[in-house]
């Protein structure tokens, strides 16, 4: 025989299951609270009104917002990989292949005008100052401004030099390294991080 006692709002209920007879009995044993009268049960406290529905709606919306905030961002496909076709146009399966994308990229690369990007040397520091970069090999502090923290020579996109001055800058940096004035693996000591002791 299995007995279970439940207590709700001061009421104790006894439930028993007898396995041999296979019957289920339940009954209230003791209840301290008196049930309210029917007029009292009709008040807002006893009926589920629109406020309860609004609370549930707010909870669901809040949970949906949390899920949306925690979810992954949408997948962004590069415009290069999207092919736009107009209405009633025909296409070839080759149009969707990566080979076509590579061919278009190579064609675009050939049609680029690198001189237009650097504006004829308007951003070139050496051209503005009228200095030959090869003469700076004895000044490693100045040359370090054109090096990455790992000692690599920065590209033209970063330095803003013309193609001739970029080549001369590379020659000056290599000369300074051979002379032992500049490190192969980093910048000048002035640009290195300091230790706090």
Protein backbone atom coordinates (compact mmCIF):
# COMPACT_ATOMS: atom_id res chain seq x y z
CA UNK A 1 0.00 0.00 0.00
CA UNK A 2 1.32 3.42 -0.99
CA UNK A 3 0.13 6.57 0.77
CA UNK A 4 0.80 10.16 -0.23
CA UNK A 5 -0.06 13.25 1.78
CA UNK A 6 -0.47 16.54 -0.11
CA UNK A 7 -0.77 19.90 1.56
CA UNK A 8 -2.24 22.87 -0.30
CA UNK A 9 -3.29 26.14 1.29
CA UNK A 10 -3.52 24.56 4.72
CA UNK A 11 -5.57 21.57 3.44
CA UNK A 12 -4.17 18.09 3.80
CA UNK A 13 -5.28 15.42 1.37
CA UNK A 14 -4.51 11.73 1.63
CA UNK A 15 -4.07 9.61 -1.46
CA UNK A 16 -3.56 5.88 -1.34
CA UNK A 17 -2.95 3.22 -3.91
CA UNK A 18 -3.41 -0.43 -3.05
CA UNK A 19 -1.53 -2.59 -5.51
CA UNK A 20 -3.26 -5.89 -4.80
CA UNK A 21 -6.76 -4.49 -5.34
CA UNK A 22 -5.65 -2.03 -8.01
CA UNK A 23 -7.79 0.77 -6.76
CA UNK A 24 -7.14 4.44 -6.18
CA UNK A 25 -8.76 6.42 -3.40
CA UNK A 26 -8.46 10.06 -2.53
CA UNK A 27 -10.11 12.19 0.09
CA UNK A 28 -9.72 15.39 2.08
CA UNK A 29 -8.81 14.79 5.69
CA UNK A 30 -8.54 18.25 7.15
CA UNK A 31 -8.99 21.76 5.73
CA UNK A 32 -8.39 24.87 7.83
CA UNK A 33 -9.47 27.46 5.24
CA UNK A 34 -13.11 28.00 4.46
CA UNK A 35 -13.90 28.29 0.77
CA UNK A 36 -15.00 31.80 -0.26
CA UNK A 37 -18.58 32.54 -1.16
CA UNK A 38 -19.59 32.88 -4.79
CA UNK A 39 -19.68 36.75 -4.82
CA UNK A 40 -16.12 36.79 -3.50
CA UNK A 41 -15.04 34.31 -6.19
CA UNK A 42 -16.27 36.67 -8.91
CA UNK A 43 -13.76 39.39 -8.00
CA UNK A 44 -10.62 40.10 -10.09
CA UNK A 45 -8.46 38.18 -7.63
CA UNK A 46 -10.25 34.91 -8.47
CA UNK A 47 -10.82 35.32 -12.20
CA UNK A 48 -8.14 35.38 -14.82
CA UNK A 49 -8.61 38.66 -16.58
CA UNK A 50 -6.88 40.39 -19.47
CA UNK A 51 -4.05 41.46 -17.14
CA UNK A 52 -2.99 37.81 -16.76
CA UNK A 53 -3.02 37.40 -20.53
CA UNK A 54 -0.91 40.54 -20.89
CA UNK A 55 1.57 39.24 -18.31
CA UNK A 56 1.90 35.98 -20.22
CA UNK A 57 2.33 37.88 -23.49
CA UNK A 58 5.02 40.08 -21.95
CA UNK A 59 6.86 37.05 -20.58
CA UNK A 60 6.76 35.29 -23.95
CA UNK A 61 7.95 38.43 -25.76
CA UNK A 62 10.76 38.86 -23.24
CA UNK A 63 11.85 35.25 -23.72
CA UNK A 64 11.75 35.71 -27.51
CA UNK A 65 13.95 38.82 -27.24
CA UNK A 66 16.48 36.95 -25.10
CA UNK A 67 16.62 34.09 -27.60
CA UNK A 68 17.03 36.56 -30.45
CA UNK A 69 19.86 38.40 -28.66
CA UNK A 70 21.69 35.16 -27.90
CA UNK A 71 21.25 33.70 -31.39
CA UNK A 72 23.97 33.86 -34.01
CA UNK A 73 24.10 36.86 -36.36
CA UNK A 74 22.70 36.35 -39.84
CA UNK A 75 24.99 34.83 -42.43
CA UNK A 76 26.38 37.49 -44.74
CA UNK A 77 27.16 36.41 -48.29
CA UNK A 78 29.69 38.51 -50.17
CA UNK A 79 28.34 40.48 -53.10
CA UNK A 80 31.04 38.88 -55.24
CA UNK A 81 29.31 35.51 -54.82
CA UNK A 82 25.83 36.77 -55.69
CA UNK A 83 24.69 36.73 -59.29
CA UNK A 84 21.81 39.02 -60.12
CA UNK A 85 19.66 37.99 -63.05
CA UNK A 86 16.90 40.08 -64.50
CA UNK A 87 13.41 38.93 -65.36
CA UNK A 88 13.19 36.54 -68.35
CA UNK A 89 16.96 36.28 -68.79
CA UNK A 90 18.72 33.03 -69.54
CA UNK A 91 21.79 31.81 -67.74
CA UNK A 92 24.36 29.08 -67.99
CA UNK A 93 25.35 26.80 -65.08
CA UNK A 94 28.86 28.22 -65.58
CA UNK A 95 27.49 31.53 -64.25
CA UNK A 96 27.21 29.94 -60.79
CA UNK A 97 30.68 28.36 -60.73
CA UNK A 98 33.67 29.64 -58.78
CA UNK A 99 35.74 29.59 -61.99
CA UNK A 100 33.66 32.44 -63.37
CA UNK A 101 34.09 34.39 -60.12
CA UNK A 102 37.88 33.93 -60.31
CA UNK A 103 37.89 35.05 -63.96
CA UNK A 104 35.87 38.17 -63.12
CA UNK A 105 38.21 38.95 -60.24
CA UNK A 106 41.29 38.62 -62.47
CA UNK A 107 39.70 40.85 -65.10
CA UNK A 108 38.89 43.44 -62.46
CA UNK A 109 42.46 43.27 -61.16
CA UNK A 110 43.85 43.86 -64.67
CA UNK A 111 41.60 46.89 -65.17
CA UNK A 112 42.70 48.56 -61.95
CA UNK A 113 44.78 51.71 -62.15
CA UNK A 114 47.28 51.58 -59.26
CA UNK A 115 48.51 55.14 -59.88
CA UNK A 116 45.01 56.53 -59.34
CA UNK A 117 44.93 54.90 -55.90
CA UNK A 118 48.06 56.74 -54.75
CA UNK A 119 47.00 60.03 -56.39
CA UNK A 120 50.32 60.59 -58.13
CA UNK A 121 52.27 60.68 -54.86
CA UNK A 122 50.18 63.30 -53.05
CA UNK A 123 50.49 61.27 -49.83
CA UNK A 124 54.19 60.50 -50.29
CA UNK A 125 56.13 62.00 -47.37
CA UNK A 126 59.48 61.81 -49.17
CA UNK A 127 58.18 63.48 -52.34
CA UNK A 128 56.66 66.34 -50.30
CA UNK A 129 59.89 66.89 -48.37
CA UNK A 130 62.13 66.37 -51.42
CA UNK A 131 64.21 63.70 -49.61
CA UNK A 132 65.72 60.58 -51.14
CA UNK A 133 64.74 57.67 -48.82
CA UNK A 134 68.10 55.94 -49.48
CA UNK A 135 69.85 58.71 -47.53
CA UNK A 136 67.96 57.76 -44.34
CA UNK A 137 69.77 54.46 -43.73
CA UNK A 138 71.75 56.11 -40.90
CA UNK A 139 68.51 57.15 -39.14
CA UNK A 140 66.90 53.93 -37.87
CA UNK A 141 64.34 55.80 -35.75
CA UNK A 142 62.80 57.35 -38.87
CA UNK A 143 62.93 54.07 -40.78
CA UNK A 144 61.18 52.28 -37.90
CA UNK A 145 58.03 54.25 -38.64
CA UNK A 146 57.82 52.31 -41.91
CA UNK A 147 58.19 48.89 -40.23
CA UNK A 148 55.64 46.64 -38.57
CA UNK A 149 56.22 45.56 -34.93
CA UNK A 150 57.66 42.29 -36.26
CA UNK A 151 60.17 44.08 -38.51
CA UNK A 152 58.41 43.72 -41.86
CA UNK A 153 58.45 46.62 -44.30
CA UNK A 154 54.97 48.13 -44.51
CA UNK A 155 53.26 48.10 -47.94
CA UNK A 156 52.54 51.12 -50.11
CA UNK A 157 48.91 51.15 -48.98
CA UNK A 158 50.13 52.02 -45.48
CA UNK A 159 53.19 54.17 -46.18
CA UNK A 160 51.55 56.14 -49.02
CA UNK A 161 54.81 56.22 -51.01
CA UNK A 162 55.10 56.16 -54.77
CA UNK A 163 56.46 52.96 -56.28
CA UNK A 164 59.98 54.42 -56.75
CA UNK A 165 60.16 55.80 -53.21
CA UNK A 166 58.81 52.54 -51.75
CA UNK A 167 61.63 50.66 -53.46
CA UNK A 168 64.19 53.21 -52.23
CA UNK A 169 62.74 52.93 -48.71
CA UNK A 170 63.22 49.15 -48.83
CA UNK A 171 66.83 49.65 -49.93
CA UNK A 172 67.47 52.08 -47.04
CA UNK A 173 65.96 49.67 -44.49
CA UNK A 174 68.06 46.79 -45.82
CA UNK A 175 71.21 48.93 -45.66
CA UNK A 176 70.46 49.90 -42.05
CA UNK A 177 70.00 46.23 -41.15
CA UNK A 178 73.26 45.20 -42.80
CA UNK A 179 75.07 48.01 -40.98
CA UNK A 180 73.62 46.73 -37.68
CA UNK A 181 71.64 49.89 -36.96
CA UNK A 182 68.24 48.25 -37.33
CA UNK A 183 66.96 44.88 -36.17
CA UNK A 184 65.71 42.27 -38.63
CA UNK A 185 62.95 41.17 -36.25
CA UNK A 186 61.58 44.45 -34.90
CA UNK A 187 61.67 48.21 -34.83
CA UNK A 188 64.25 50.51 -33.30
CA UNK A 189 64.63 50.24 -29.50
CA UNK A 190 62.77 53.52 -29.00
CA UNK A 191 59.58 51.95 -30.36
CA UNK A 192 59.83 48.76 -28.31
CA UNK A 193 57.53 48.35 -25.28
CA UNK A 194 59.04 49.43 -21.97
CA UNK A 195 59.15 47.25 -18.87
CA UNK A 196 57.74 48.64 -15.67
CA UNK A 197 59.92 47.69 -12.69
